[in-house]
Amino acid sequence: MRRFLRFAACLLLISVAVSGCDAIKGLFNPFTGKWRAGMLELEFENDRTFKFVIGSTISVNLGGEYSYDDKTLVLKFDKGSEVNFSYEFSGDKKTLTLVPETDFDYIKTRLDFTKE
């Protein structure tokens, strides 16, 4: 049993060393997943890309890369525009509140997204 635990620990250390810090950081990324607020849907991936969908039958699909710090979420769209949001998570991390800090045609006010 002890030999198995040592082997498992060594295997875990080797896999962490090979995959690098980005894999570990992705495990603790609070944004990762699909979020919905009415007809708006945001999906954040571990590789720091996102998809933004407006509508269901007739929809607008946007995408790009995102970054965040303790206070600000930055969405960099493929078309070159960049939008900053202040954000806040609920205590259980199932609600994400976004407030646009820069002009954004699709979101003009505070929105509460629910994790799916």
PDB file of N, CA and C in Angstrom:
ATOM      1  N   MET A   1       0.815  -1.183   0.000  1.00  0.00           N
ATOM      2  CA  MET A   1       0.000   0.000   0.000  1.00  0.00           C
ATOM      3  C   MET A   1       0.868   1.260   0.000  1.00  0.00           C
ATOM      4  N   ARG A   2       1.902   1.224   0.812  1.00  0.00           N
ATOM      5  CA  ARG A   2       2.795   2.366   0.911  1.00  0.00           C
ATOM      6  C   ARG A   2       3.512   2.623  -0.419  1.00  0.00           C
ATOM      7  N   ARG A   3       3.892   1.552  -1.071  1.00  0.00           N
ATOM      8  CA  ARG A   3       4.567   1.651  -2.354  1.00  0.00           C
ATOM      9  C   ARG A   3       3.641   2.297  -3.393  1.00  0.00           C
ATOM     10  N   PHE A   4       2.366   1.911  -3.361  1.00  0.00           N
ATOM     11  CA  PHE A   4       1.378   2.489  -4.283  1.00  0.00           C
ATOM     12  C   PHE A   4       1.215   3.991  -4.041  1.00  0.00           C
ATOM     13  N   LEU A   5       1.144   4.419  -2.779  1.00  0.00           N
ATOM     14  CA  LEU A   5       0.995   5.841  -2.461  1.00  0.00           C
ATOM     15  C   LEU A   5       2.210   6.643  -2.931  1.00  0.00           C
ATOM     16  N   ARG A   6       3.392   6.100  -2.750  1.00  0.00           N
ATOM     17  CA  ARG A   6       4.603   6.777  -3.228  1.00  0.00           C
ATOM     18  C   ARG A   6       4.586   6.912  -4.749  1.00  0.00           C
ATOM     19  N   PHE A   7       4.187   5.816  -5.405  1.00  0.00           N
ATOM     20  CA  PHE A   7       4.103   5.840  -6.866  1.00  0.00           C
ATOM     21  C   PHE A   7       3.083   6.887  -7.337  1.00  0.00           C
ATOM     22  N   ALA A   8       1.924   6.936  -6.691  1.00  0.00           N
ATOM     23  CA  ALA A   8       0.879   7.899  -7.060  1.00  0.00           C
ATOM     24  C   ALA A   8       1.365   9.334  -6.841  1.00  0.00           C
ATOM     25  N   ALA A   9       2.063   9.574  -5.732  1.00  0.00           N
ATOM     26  CA  ALA A   9       2.588  10.905  -5.449  1.00  0.00           C
ATOM     27  C   ALA A   9       3.631  11.314  -6.489  1.00  0.00           C
ATOM     28  N   CYS A  10       4.515  10.396  -6.848  1.00  0.00           N
ATOM     29  CA  CYS A  10       5.533  10.680  -7.874  1.00  0.00           C
ATOM     30  C   CYS A  10       4.876  10.950  -9.226  1.00  0.00           C
ATOM     31  N   LEU A  11       3.878  10.147  -9.558  1.00  0.00           N
ATOM     32  CA  LEU A  11       3.165  10.340 -10.816  1.00  0.00           C
ATOM     33  C   LEU A  11       2.479  11.705 -10.857  1.00  0.00           C
ATOM     34  N   LEU A  12       1.880  12.107  -9.748  1.00  0.00           N
ATOM     35  CA  LEU A  12       1.235  13.410  -9.660  1.00  0.00           C
ATOM     36  C   LEU A  12       2.247  14.542  -9.825  1.00  0.00           C
ATOM     37  N   LEU A  13       3.383  14.453  -9.172  1.00  0.00           N
ATOM     38  CA  LEU A  13       4.421  15.477  -9.289  1.00  0.00           C
ATOM     39  C   LEU A  13       4.964  15.577 -10.708  1.00  0.00           C
ATOM     40  N   ILE A  14       5.171  14.450 -11.340  1.00  0.00           N
ATOM     41  CA  ILE A  14       5.672  14.451 -12.713  1.00  0.00           C
ATOM     42  C   ILE A  14       4.651  15.071 -13.658  1.00  0.00           C
ATOM     43  N   SER A  15       3.382  14.734 -13.492  1.00  0.00           N
ATOM     44  CA  SER A  15       2.360  15.295 -14.385  1.00  0.00           C
ATOM     45  C   SER A  15       2.218  16.791 -14.191  1.00  0.00           C
ATOM     46  N   VAL A  16       2.337  17.287 -12.959  1.00  0.00           N
ATOM     47  CA  VAL A  16       2.279  18.729 -12.712  1.00  0.00           C
ATOM     48  C   VAL A  16       3.482  19.423 -13.339  1.00  0.00           C
ATOM     49  N   ALA A  17       4.649  18.829 -13.204  1.00  0.00           N
ATOM     50  CA  ALA A  17       5.855  19.428 -13.780  1.00  0.00           C
ATOM     51  C   ALA A  17       5.783  19.474 -15.296  1.00  0.00           C
ATOM     52  N   VAL A  18       5.248  18.444 -15.913  1.00  0.00           N
ATOM     53  CA  VAL A  18       5.158  18.384 -17.363  1.00  0.00           C
ATOM     54  C   VAL A  18       4.096  19.340 -17.895  1.00  0.00           C
ATOM     55  N   SER A  19       2.965  19.425 -17.212  1.00  0.00           N
ATOM     56  CA  SER A  19       1.867  20.256 -17.721  1.00  0.00           C
ATOM     57  C   SER A  19       2.080  21.733 -17.462  1.00  0.00           C
ATOM     58  N   GLY A  20       2.877  22.099 -16.489  1.00  0.00           N
ATOM     59  CA  GLY A  20       3.177  23.491 -16.236  1.00  0.00           C
ATOM     60  C   GLY A  20       2.154  24.154 -15.331  1.00  0.00           C
ATOM     61  N   CYS A  21       2.418  25.402 -15.023  1.00  0.00           N
ATOM     62  CA  CYS A  21       1.580  26.154 -14.090  1.00  0.00           C
ATOM     63  C   CYS A  21       0.225  26.521 -14.680  1.00  0.00           C
ATOM     64  N   ASP A  22       0.097  26.674 -15.991  1.00  0.00           N
ATOM     65  CA  ASP A  22      -1.179  27.046 -16.582  1.00  0.00           C
ATOM     66  C   ASP A  22      -2.253  26.005 -16.316  1.00  0.00           C
ATOM     67  N   ALA A  23      -1.883  24.744 -16.275  1.00  0.00           N
ATOM     68  CA  ALA A  23      -2.864  23.696 -15.992  1.00  0.00           C
ATOM     69  C   ALA A  23      -3.377  23.822 -14.564  1.00  0.00           C
ATOM     70  N   ILE A  24      -2.489  24.118 -13.638  1.00  0.00           N
ATOM     71  CA  ILE A  24      -2.899  24.290 -12.246  1.00  0.00           C
ATOM     72  C   ILE A  24      -3.761  25.531 -12.107  1.00  0.00           C
ATOM     73  N   LYS A  25      -3.357  26.600 -12.756  1.00  0.00           N
ATOM     74  CA  LYS A  25      -4.112  27.844 -12.697  1.00  0.00           C
ATOM     75  C   LYS A  25      -5.518  27.654 -13.259  1.00  0.00           C
ATOM     76  N   GLY A  26      -5.645  26.844 -14.297  1.00  0.00           N
ATOM     77  CA  GLY A  26      -6.946  26.586 -14.900  1.00  0.00           C
ATOM     78  C   GLY A  26      -7.904  25.883 -13.962  1.00  0.00           C
ATOM     79  N   LEU A  27      -7.358  25.070 -13.064  1.00  0.00           N
ATOM     80  CA  LEU A  27      -8.211  24.378 -12.107  1.00  0.00           C
ATOM     81  C   LEU A  27      -8.881  25.341 -11.141  1.00  0.00           C
ATOM     82  N   PHE A  28      -8.258  26.469 -10.878  1.00  0.00           N
ATOM     83  CA  PHE A  28      -8.764  27.431  -9.910  1.00  0.00           C
ATOM     84  C   PHE A  28      -9.358  28.673 -10.572  1.00  0.00           C
ATOM     85  N   ASN A  29      -9.581  28.631 -11.864  1.00  0.00           N
ATOM     86  CA  ASN A  29     -10.158  29.757 -12.593  1.00  0.00           C
ATOM     87  C   ASN A  29     -11.655  29.822 -12.287  1.00  0.00           C
ATOM     88  N   PRO A  30     -12.121  30.862 -11.594  1.00  0.00           N
ATOM     89  CA  PRO A  30     -13.532  30.924 -11.214  1.00  0.00           C
ATOM     90  C   PRO A  30     -14.470  31.195 -12.388  1.00  0.00           C
ATOM     91  N   PHE A  31     -13.957  31.665 -13.505  1.00  0.00           N
ATOM     92  CA  PHE A  31     -14.790  31.997 -14.652  1.00  0.00           C
ATOM     93  C   PHE A  31     -15.114  30.784 -15.527  1.00  0.00           C
ATOM     94  N   THR A  32     -14.278  29.763 -15.513  1.00  0.00           N
ATOM     95  CA  THR A  32     -14.420  28.624 -16.409  1.00  0.00           C
ATOM     96  C   THR A  32     -15.821  28.031 -16.343  1.00  0.00           C
ATOM     97  N   GLY A  33     -16.403  27.848 -17.524  1.00  0.00           N
ATOM     98  CA  GLY A  33     -17.733  27.252 -17.612  1.00  0.00           C
ATOM     99  C   GLY A  33     -18.679  28.119 -18.416  1.00  0.00           C
ATOM    100  N   LYS A  34     -19.937  27.715 -18.433  1.00  0.00           N
ATOM    101  CA  LYS A  34     -20.973  28.407 -19.191  1.00  0.00           C
ATOM    102  C   LYS A  34     -21.846  29.210 -18.234  1.00  0.00           C
ATOM    103  N   TRP A  35     -22.067  30.489 -18.585  1.00  0.00           N
ATOM    104  CA  TRP A  35     -22.848  31.407 -17.765  1.00  0.00           C
ATOM    105  C   TRP A  35     -23.992  31.967 -18.607  1.00  0.00           C
ATOM    106  N   ARG A  36     -25.175  32.138 -17.991  1.00  0.00           N
ATOM    107  CA  ARG A  36     -26.336  32.639 -18.736  1.00  0.00           C
ATOM    108  C   ARG A  36     -27.030  33.752 -17.948  1.00  0.00           C
ATOM    109  N   ALA A  37     -27.441  34.790 -18.710  1.00  0.00           N
ATOM    110  CA  ALA A  37     -28.252  35.885 -18.173  1.00  0.00           C
ATOM    111  C   ALA A  37     -29.312  36.203 -19.221  1.00  0.00           C
ATOM    112  N   GLY A  38     -30.494  35.620 -19.082  1.00  0.00           N
ATOM    113  CA  GLY A  38     -31.553  35.820 -20.071  1.00  0.00           C
ATOM    114  C   GLY A  38     -31.135  35.289 -21.427  1.00  0.00           C
ATOM    115  N   MET A  39     -31.087  36.166 -22.433  1.00  0.00           N
ATOM    116  CA  MET A  39     -30.713  35.774 -23.799  1.00  0.00           C
ATOM    117  C   MET A  39     -29.201  35.850 -24.040  1.00  0.00           C
ATOM    118  N   LEU A  40     -28.428  36.184 -23.024  1.00  0.00           N
ATOM    119  CA  LEU A  40     -26.972  36.282 -23.152  1.00  0.00           C
ATOM    120  C   LEU A  40     -26.312  35.034 -22.575  1.00  0.00           C
ATOM    121  N   GLU A  41     -25.309  34.555 -23.276  1.00  0.00           N
ATOM    122  CA  GLU A  41     -24.556  33.402 -22.799  1.00  0.00           C
ATOM    123  C   GLU A  41     -23.065  33.673 -22.962  1.00  0.00           C
ATOM    124  N   LEU A  42     -22.307  33.457 -21.896  1.00  0.00           N
ATOM    125  CA  LEU A  42     -20.852  33.585 -21.911  1.00  0.00           C
ATOM    126  C   LEU A  42     -20.265  32.226 -21.543  1.00  0.00           C
ATOM    127  N   GLU A  43     -19.315  31.773 -22.338  1.00  0.00           N
ATOM    128  CA  GLU A  43     -18.632  30.521 -22.021  1.00  0.00           C
ATOM    129  C   GLU A  43     -17.138  30.787 -21.977  1.00  0.00           C
ATOM    130  N   PHE A  44     -16.551  30.548 -20.809  1.00  0.00           N
ATOM    131  CA  PHE A  44     -15.123  30.753 -20.596  1.00  0.00           C
ATOM    132  C   PHE A  44     -14.419  29.402 -20.589  1.00  0.00           C
ATOM    133  N   GLU A  45     -13.327  29.311 -21.349  1.00  0.00           N
ATOM    134  CA  GLU A  45     -12.528  28.089 -21.419  1.00  0.00           C
ATOM    135  C   GLU A  45     -11.270  28.254 -20.563  1.00  0.00           C
ATOM    136  N   ASN A  46     -10.639  27.138 -20.192  1.00  0.00           N
ATOM    137  CA  ASN A  46      -9.398  27.172 -19.414  1.00  0.00           C
ATOM    138  C   ASN A  46      -8.245  27.810 -20.178  1.00  0.00           C
ATOM    139  N   ASP A  47      -8.287  27.774 -21.503  1.00  0.00           N
ATOM    140  CA  ASP A  47      -7.189  28.326 -22.300  1.00  0.00           C
ATOM    141  C   ASP A  47      -7.312  29.835 -22.496  1.00  0.00           C
ATOM    142  N   ARG A  48      -8.150  30.473 -21.687  1.00  0.00           N
ATOM    143  CA  ARG A  48      -8.356  31.936 -21.684  1.00  0.00           C
ATOM    144  C   ARG A  48      -9.061  32.442 -22.939  1.00  0.00           C
ATOM    145  N   THR A  49      -9.861  31.609 -23.581  1.00  0.00           N
ATOM    146  CA  THR A  49     -10.715  32.056 -24.680  1.00  0.00           C
ATOM    147  C   THR A  49     -12.154  32.058 -24.188  1.00  0.00           C
ATOM    148  N   PHE A  50     -13.001  32.825 -24.885  1.00  0.00           N
ATOM    149  CA  PHE A  50     -14.401  32.871 -24.510  1.00  0.00           C
ATOM    150  C   PHE A  50     -15.280  32.932 -25.749  1.00  0.00           C
ATOM    151  N   LYS A  51     -16.557  32.580 -25.556  1.00  0.00           N
ATOM    152  CA  LYS A  51     -17.588  32.723 -26.578  1.00  0.00           C
ATOM    153  C   LYS A  51     -18.710  33.531 -25.956  1.00  0.00           C
ATOM    154  N   PHE A  52     -19.219  34.502 -26.704  1.00  0.00           N
ATOM    155  CA  PHE A  52     -20.304  35.354 -26.235  1.00  0.00           C
ATOM    156  C   PHE A  52     -21.438  35.235 -27.242  1.00  0.00           C
ATOM    157  N   VAL A  53     -22.589  34.732 -26.805  1.00  0.00           N
ATOM    158  CA  VAL A  53     -23.727  34.496 -27.697  1.00  0.00           C
ATOM    159  C   VAL A  53     -24.901  35.337 -27.205  1.00  0.00           C
ATOM    160  N   ILE A  54     -25.514  36.058 -28.145  1.00  0.00           N
ATOM    161  CA  ILE A  54     -26.690  36.864 -27.847  1.00  0.00           C
ATOM    162  C   ILE A  54     -27.844  36.301 -28.662  1.00  0.00           C
ATOM    163  N   GLY A  55     -28.935  35.929 -27.989  1.00  0.00           N
ATOM    164  CA  GLY A  55     -30.099  35.402 -28.683  1.00  0.00           C
ATOM    165  C   GLY A  55     -30.038  33.898 -28.815  1.00  0.00           C
ATOM    166  N   SER A  56     -31.156  33.329 -29.331  1.00  0.00           N
ATOM    167  CA  SER A  56     -31.177  31.876 -29.505  1.00  0.00           C
ATOM    168  C   SER A  56     -31.512  31.498 -30.945  1.00  0.00           C
ATOM    169  N   THR A  57     -32.676  31.894 -31.447  1.00  0.00           N
ATOM    170  CA  THR A  57     -33.037  31.536 -32.819  1.00  0.00           C
ATOM    171  C   THR A  57     -32.180  32.301 -33.812  1.00  0.00           C
ATOM    172  N   ILE A  58     -32.202  33.610 -33.694  1.00  0.00           N
ATOM    173  CA  ILE A  58     -31.312  34.468 -34.473  1.00  0.00           C
ATOM    174  C   ILE A  58     -30.304  35.004 -33.469  1.00  0.00           C
ATOM    175  N   SER A  59     -29.047  34.652 -33.651  1.00  0.00           N
ATOM    176  CA  SER A  59     -28.072  35.004 -32.624  1.00  0.00           C
ATOM    177  C   SER A  59     -26.852  35.702 -33.205  1.00  0.00           C
ATOM    178  N   VAL A  60     -26.168  36.407 -32.307  1.00  0.00           N
ATOM    179  CA  VAL A  60     -24.886  37.037 -32.607  1.00  0.00           C
ATOM    180  C   VAL A  60     -23.846  36.250 -31.827  1.00  0.00           C
ATOM    181  N   ASN A  61     -22.846  35.746 -32.522  1.00  0.00           N
ATOM    182  CA  ASN A  61     -21.782  34.962 -31.891  1.00  0.00           C
ATOM    183  C   ASN A  61     -20.472  35.737 -31.969  1.00  0.00           C
ATOM    184  N   LEU A  62     -19.886  35.997 -30.805  1.00  0.00           N
ATOM    185  CA  LEU A  62     -18.614  36.699 -30.719  1.00  0.00           C
ATOM    186  C   LEU A  62     -17.648  35.841 -29.913  1.00  0.00           C
ATOM    187  N   GLY A  63     -16.383  36.081 -30.072  1.00  0.00           N
ATOM    188  CA  GLY A  63     -15.387  35.330 -29.322  1.00  0.00           C
ATOM    189  C   GLY A  63     -14.112  36.115 -29.183  1.00  0.00           C
ATOM    190  N   GLY A  64     -13.186  35.562 -28.436  1.00  0.00           N
ATOM    191  CA  GLY A  64     -11.898  36.208 -28.234  1.00  0.00           C
ATOM    192  C   GLY A  64     -11.184  35.617 -27.038  1.00  0.00           C
ATOM    193  N   GLU A  65     -10.355  36.443 -26.429  1.00  0.00           N
ATOM    194  CA  GLU A  65      -9.570  36.031 -25.272  1.00  0.00           C
ATOM    195  C   GLU A  65      -9.938  36.890 -24.079  1.00  0.00           C
ATOM    196  N   TYR A  66      -9.766  36.337 -22.886  1.00  0.00           N
ATOM    197  CA  TYR A  66     -10.063  37.099 -21.687  1.00  0.00           C
ATOM    198  C   TYR A  66      -8.910  37.038 -20.695  1.00  0.00           C
ATOM    199  N   SER A  67      -8.880  38.042 -19.831  1.00  0.00           N
ATOM    200  CA  SER A  67      -7.937  38.068 -18.720  1.00  0.00           C
ATOM    201  C   SER A  67      -8.651  38.703 -17.537  1.00  0.00           C
ATOM    202  N   TYR A  68      -8.123  38.480 -16.357  1.00  0.00           N
ATOM    203  CA  TYR A  68      -8.748  39.061 -15.174  1.00  0.00           C
ATOM    204  C   TYR A  68      -7.726  39.248 -14.066  1.00  0.00           C
ATOM    205  N   ASP A  69      -8.070  40.179 -13.162  1.00  0.00           N
ATOM    206  CA  ASP A  69      -7.312  40.345 -11.935  1.00  0.00           C
ATOM    207  C   ASP A  69      -8.326  40.357 -10.794  1.00  0.00           C
ATOM    208  N   ASP A  70      -7.978  40.925  -9.664  1.00  0.00           N
ATOM    209  CA  ASP A  70      -8.866  40.891  -8.503  1.00  0.00           C
ATOM    210  C   ASP A  70     -10.146  41.695  -8.679  1.00  0.00           C
ATOM    211  N   LYS A  71     -10.146  42.674  -9.582  1.00  0.00           N
ATOM    212  CA  LYS A  71     -11.293  43.568  -9.724  1.00  0.00           C
ATOM    213  C   LYS A  71     -11.883  43.632 -11.124  1.00  0.00           C
ATOM    214  N   THR A  72     -11.084  43.343 -12.138  1.00  0.00           N
ATOM    215  CA  THR A  72     -11.480  43.612 -13.519  1.00  0.00           C
ATOM    216  C   THR A  72     -11.382  42.370 -14.399  1.00  0.00           C
ATOM    217  N   LEU A  73     -12.415  42.189 -15.234  1.00  0.00           N
ATOM    218  CA  LEU A  73     -12.427  41.173 -16.282  1.00  0.00           C
ATOM    219  C   LEU A  73     -12.295  41.904 -17.606  1.00  0.00           C
ATOM    220  N   VAL A  74     -11.349  41.502 -18.449  1.00  0.00           N
ATOM    221  CA  VAL A  74     -11.121  42.145 -19.746  1.00  0.00           C
ATOM    222  C   VAL A  74     -11.440  41.133 -20.847  1.00  0.00           C
ATOM    223  N   LEU A  75     -12.388  41.493 -21.721  1.00  0.00           N
ATOM    224  CA  LEU A  75     -12.720  40.673 -22.879  1.00  0.00           C
ATOM    225  C   LEU A  75     -12.114  41.323 -24.110  1.00  0.00           C
ATOM    226  N   LYS A  76     -11.214  40.614 -24.790  1.00  0.00           N
ATOM    227  CA  LYS A  76     -10.595  41.093 -26.023  1.00  0.00           C
ATOM    228  C   LYS A  76     -11.221  40.312 -27.169  1.00  0.00           C
ATOM    229  N   PHE A  77     -12.059  41.000 -27.940  1.00  0.00           N
ATOM    230  CA  PHE A  77     -12.789  40.346 -29.028  1.00  0.00           C
ATOM    231  C   PHE A  77     -11.890  40.148 -30.237  1.00  0.00           C
ATOM    232  N   ASP A  78     -12.221  39.130 -31.036  1.00  0.00           N
ATOM    233  CA  ASP A  78     -11.444  38.817 -32.235  1.00  0.00           C
ATOM    234  C   ASP A  78     -11.365  40.003 -33.182  1.00  0.00           C
ATOM    235  N   LYS A  79     -12.365  40.854 -33.184  1.00  0.00           N
ATOM    236  CA  LYS A  79     -12.399  42.020 -34.088  1.00  0.00           C
ATOM    237  C   LYS A  79     -11.487  43.146 -33.617  1.00  0.00           C
ATOM    238  N   GLY A  80     -10.872  42.988 -32.444  1.00  0.00           N
ATOM    239  CA  GLY A  80      -9.917  43.993 -31.987  1.00  0.00           C
ATOM    240  C   GLY A  80     -10.413  44.876 -30.863  1.00  0.00           C
ATOM    241  N   SER A  81     -11.710  44.902 -30.596  1.00  0.00           N
ATOM    242  CA  SER A  81     -12.190  45.750 -29.504  1.00  0.00           C
ATOM    243  C   SER A  81     -11.961  45.061 -28.162  1.00  0.00           C
ATOM    244  N   GLU A  82     -11.892  45.874 -27.131  1.00  0.00           N
ATOM    245  CA  GLU A  82     -11.620  45.388 -25.784  1.00  0.00           C
ATOM    246  C   GLU A  82     -12.607  46.031 -24.828  1.00  0.00           C
ATOM    247  N   VAL A  83     -13.193  45.239 -23.942  1.00  0.00           N
ATOM    248  CA  VAL A  83     -14.178  45.739 -22.995  1.00  0.00           C
ATOM    249  C   VAL A  83     -13.770  45.317 -21.588  1.00  0.00           C
ATOM    250  N   ASN A  84     -13.817  46.285 -20.666  1.00  0.00           N
ATOM    251  CA  ASN A  84     -13.492  46.020 -19.267  1.00  0.00           C
ATOM    252  C   ASN A  84     -14.772  45.955 -18.440  1.00  0.00           C
ATOM    253  N   PHE A  85     -14.831  44.992 -17.541  1.00  0.00           N
ATOM    254  CA  PHE A  85     -15.950  44.846 -16.624  1.00  0.00           C
ATOM    255  C   PHE A  85     -15.417  44.754 -15.207  1.00  0.00           C
ATOM    256  N   SER A  86     -16.115  45.374 -14.261  1.00  0.00           N
ATOM    257  CA  SER A  86     -15.862  45.023 -12.875  1.00  0.00           C
ATOM    258  C   SER A  86     -16.738  43.809 -12.611  1.00  0.00           C
ATOM    259  N   TYR A  87     -16.315  42.937 -11.732  1.00  0.00           N
ATOM    260  CA  TYR A  87     -17.061  41.702 -11.510  1.00  0.00           C
ATOM    261  C   TYR A  87     -17.119  41.350 -10.035  1.00  0.00           C
ATOM    262  N   GLU A  88     -18.093  40.490  -9.736  1.00  0.00           N
ATOM    263  CA  GLU A  88     -18.248  39.994  -8.369  1.00  0.00           C
ATOM    264  C   GLU A  88     -18.933  38.631  -8.447  1.00  0.00           C
ATOM    265  N   PHE A  89     -18.447  37.692  -7.650  1.00  0.00           N
ATOM    266  CA  PHE A  89     -19.055  36.371  -7.559  1.00  0.00           C
ATOM    267  C   PHE A  89     -19.883  36.292  -6.286  1.00  0.00           C
ATOM    268  N   SER A  90     -20.955  35.505  -6.335  1.00  0.00           N
ATOM    269  CA  SER A  90     -21.712  35.227  -5.117  1.00  0.00           C
ATOM    270  C   SER A  90     -20.873  34.315  -4.233  1.00  0.00           C
ATOM    271  N   GLY A  91     -21.280  34.140  -3.003  1.00  0.00           N
ATOM    272  CA  GLY A  91     -20.525  33.314  -2.063  1.00  0.00           C
ATOM    273  C   GLY A  91     -20.345  31.881  -2.523  1.00  0.00           C
ATOM    274  N   ASP A  92     -21.338  31.325  -3.215  1.00  0.00           N
ATOM    275  CA  ASP A  92     -21.240  29.943  -3.687  1.00  0.00           C
ATOM    276  C   ASP A  92     -20.655  29.837  -5.096  1.00  0.00           C
ATOM    277  N   LYS A  93     -20.230  30.955  -5.677  1.00  0.00           N
ATOM    278  CA  LYS A  93     -19.596  31.024  -7.012  1.00  0.00           C
ATOM    279  C   LYS A  93     -20.525  30.583  -8.140  1.00  0.00           C
ATOM    280  N   LYS A  94     -21.850  30.638  -7.922  1.00  0.00           N
ATOM    281  CA  LYS A  94     -22.797  30.241  -8.961  1.00  0.00           C
ATOM    282  C   LYS A  94     -23.439  31.441  -9.649  1.00  0.00           C
ATOM    283  N   THR A  95     -23.185  32.644  -9.149  1.00  0.00           N
ATOM    284  CA  THR A  95     -23.678  33.870  -9.774  1.00  0.00           C
ATOM    285  C   THR A  95     -22.508  34.810 -10.012  1.00  0.00           C
ATOM    286  N   LEU A  96     -22.410  35.312 -11.223  1.00  0.00           N
ATOM    287  CA  LEU A  96     -21.367  36.258 -11.628  1.00  0.00           C
ATOM    288  C   LEU A  96     -22.041  37.555 -12.020  1.00  0.00           C
ATOM    289  N   THR A  97     -21.688  38.647 -11.358  1.00  0.00           N
ATOM    290  CA  THR A  97     -22.233  39.963 -11.681  1.00  0.00           C
ATOM    291  C   THR A  97     -21.191  40.742 -12.458  1.00  0.00           C
ATOM    292  N   LEU A  98     -21.572  41.209 -13.656  1.00  0.00           N
ATOM    293  CA  LEU A  98     -20.685  42.014 -14.497  1.00  0.00           C
ATOM    294  C   LEU A  98     -21.256  43.420 -14.638  1.00  0.00           C
ATOM    295  N   VAL A  99     -20.392  44.412 -14.477  1.00  0.00           N
ATOM    296  CA  VAL A  99     -20.763  45.810 -14.680  1.00  0.00           C
ATOM    297  C   VAL A  99     -19.777  46.385 -15.691  1.00  0.00           C
ATOM    298  N   PRO A 100     -20.268  46.841 -16.872  1.00  0.00           N
ATOM    299  CA  PRO A 100     -19.342  47.361 -17.891  1.00  0.00           C
ATOM    300  C   PRO A 100     -18.656  48.637 -17.421  1.00  0.00           C
ATOM    301  N   GLU A 101     -17.342  48.693 -17.604  1.00  0.00           N
ATOM    302  CA  GLU A 101     -16.541  49.872 -17.261  1.00  0.00           C
ATOM    303  C   GLU A 101     -16.242  50.709 -18.503  1.00  0.00           C
ATOM    304  N   THR A 102     -16.351  50.108 -19.679  1.00  0.00           N
ATOM    305  CA  THR A 102     -16.144  50.806 -20.950  1.00  0.00           C
ATOM    306  C   THR A 102     -17.395  50.616 -21.799  1.00  0.00           C
ATOM    307  N   ASP A 103     -17.556  51.421 -22.841  1.00  0.00           N
ATOM    308  CA  ASP A 103     -18.720  51.306 -23.709  1.00  0.00           C
ATOM    309  C   ASP A 103     -18.746  49.942 -24.393  1.00  0.00           C
ATOM    310  N   PHE A 104     -19.909  49.319 -24.342  1.00  0.00           N
ATOM    311  CA  PHE A 104     -20.108  48.014 -24.962  1.00  0.00           C
ATOM    312  C   PHE A 104     -21.535  47.973 -25.481  1.00  0.00           C
ATOM    313  N   ASP A 105     -21.696  47.801 -26.785  1.00  0.00           N
ATOM    314  CA  ASP A 105     -23.015  47.877 -27.410  1.00  0.00           C
ATOM    315  C   ASP A 105     -23.999  46.843 -26.879  1.00  0.00           C
ATOM    316  N   TYR A 106     -23.535  45.701 -26.418  1.00  0.00           N
ATOM    317  CA  TYR A 106     -24.424  44.601 -26.060  1.00  0.00           C
ATOM    318  C   TYR A 106     -24.811  44.583 -24.585  1.00  0.00           C
ATOM    319  N   ILE A 107     -23.975  45.135 -23.735  1.00  0.00           N
ATOM    320  CA  ILE A 107     -24.288  45.202 -22.304  1.00  0.00           C
ATOM    321  C   ILE A 107     -24.098  46.644 -21.853  1.00  0.00           C
ATOM    322  N   LYS A 108     -25.191  47.264 -21.427  1.00  0.00           N
ATOM    323  CA  LYS A 108     -25.131  48.666 -20.995  1.00  0.00           C
ATOM    324  C   LYS A 108     -25.299  48.812 -19.488  1.00  0.00           C
ATOM    325  N   THR A 109     -25.711  47.752 -18.819  1.00  0.00           N
ATOM    326  CA  THR A 109     -26.004  47.824 -17.406  1.00  0.00           C
ATOM    327  C   THR A 109     -25.503  46.580 -16.688  1.00  0.00           C
ATOM    328  N   ARG A 110     -25.622  46.581 -15.406  1.00  0.00           N
ATOM    329  CA  ARG A 110     -25.210  45.447 -14.575  1.00  0.00           C
ATOM    330  C   ARG A 110     -26.014  44.204 -14.955  1.00  0.00           C
ATOM    331  N   LEU A 111     -25.320  43.068 -15.068  1.00  0.00           N
ATOM    332  CA  LEU A 111     -25.972  41.793 -15.377  1.00  0.00           C
ATOM    333  C   LEU A 111     -25.540  40.722 -14.396  1.00  0.00           C
ATOM    334  N   ASP A 112     -26.491  39.898 -14.019  1.00  0.00           N
ATOM    335  CA  ASP A 112     -26.196  38.754 -13.149  1.00  0.00           C
ATOM    336  C   ASP A 112     -26.283  37.480 -13.990  1.00  0.00           C
ATOM    337  N   PHE A 113     -25.141  36.822 -14.157  1.00  0.00           N
ATOM    338  CA  PHE A 113     -25.069  35.569 -14.899  1.00  0.00           C
ATOM    339  C   PHE A 113     -25.128  34.414 -13.912  1.00  0.00           C
ATOM    340  N   THR A 114     -25.824  33.357 -14.286  1.00  0.00           N
ATOM    341  CA  THR A 114     -25.914  32.147 -13.472  1.00  0.00           C
ATOM    342  C   THR A 114     -25.141  31.032 -14.155  1.00  0.00           C
ATOM    343  N   LYS A 115     -24.357  30.311 -13.368  1.00  0.00           N
ATOM    344  CA  LYS A 115     -23.555  29.224 -13.929  1.00  0.00           C
ATOM    345  C   LYS A 115     -24.443  28.036 -14.263  1.00  0.00           C
ATOM    346  N   GLU A 116     -24.243  27.480 -15.453  1.00  0.00           N
ATOM    347  CA  GLU A 116     -25.030  26.314 -15.871  1.00  0.00           C
ATOM    348  C   GLU A 116     -24.324  25.034 -15.519  1.00  0.00           C
TER     349      GLU A 116
END
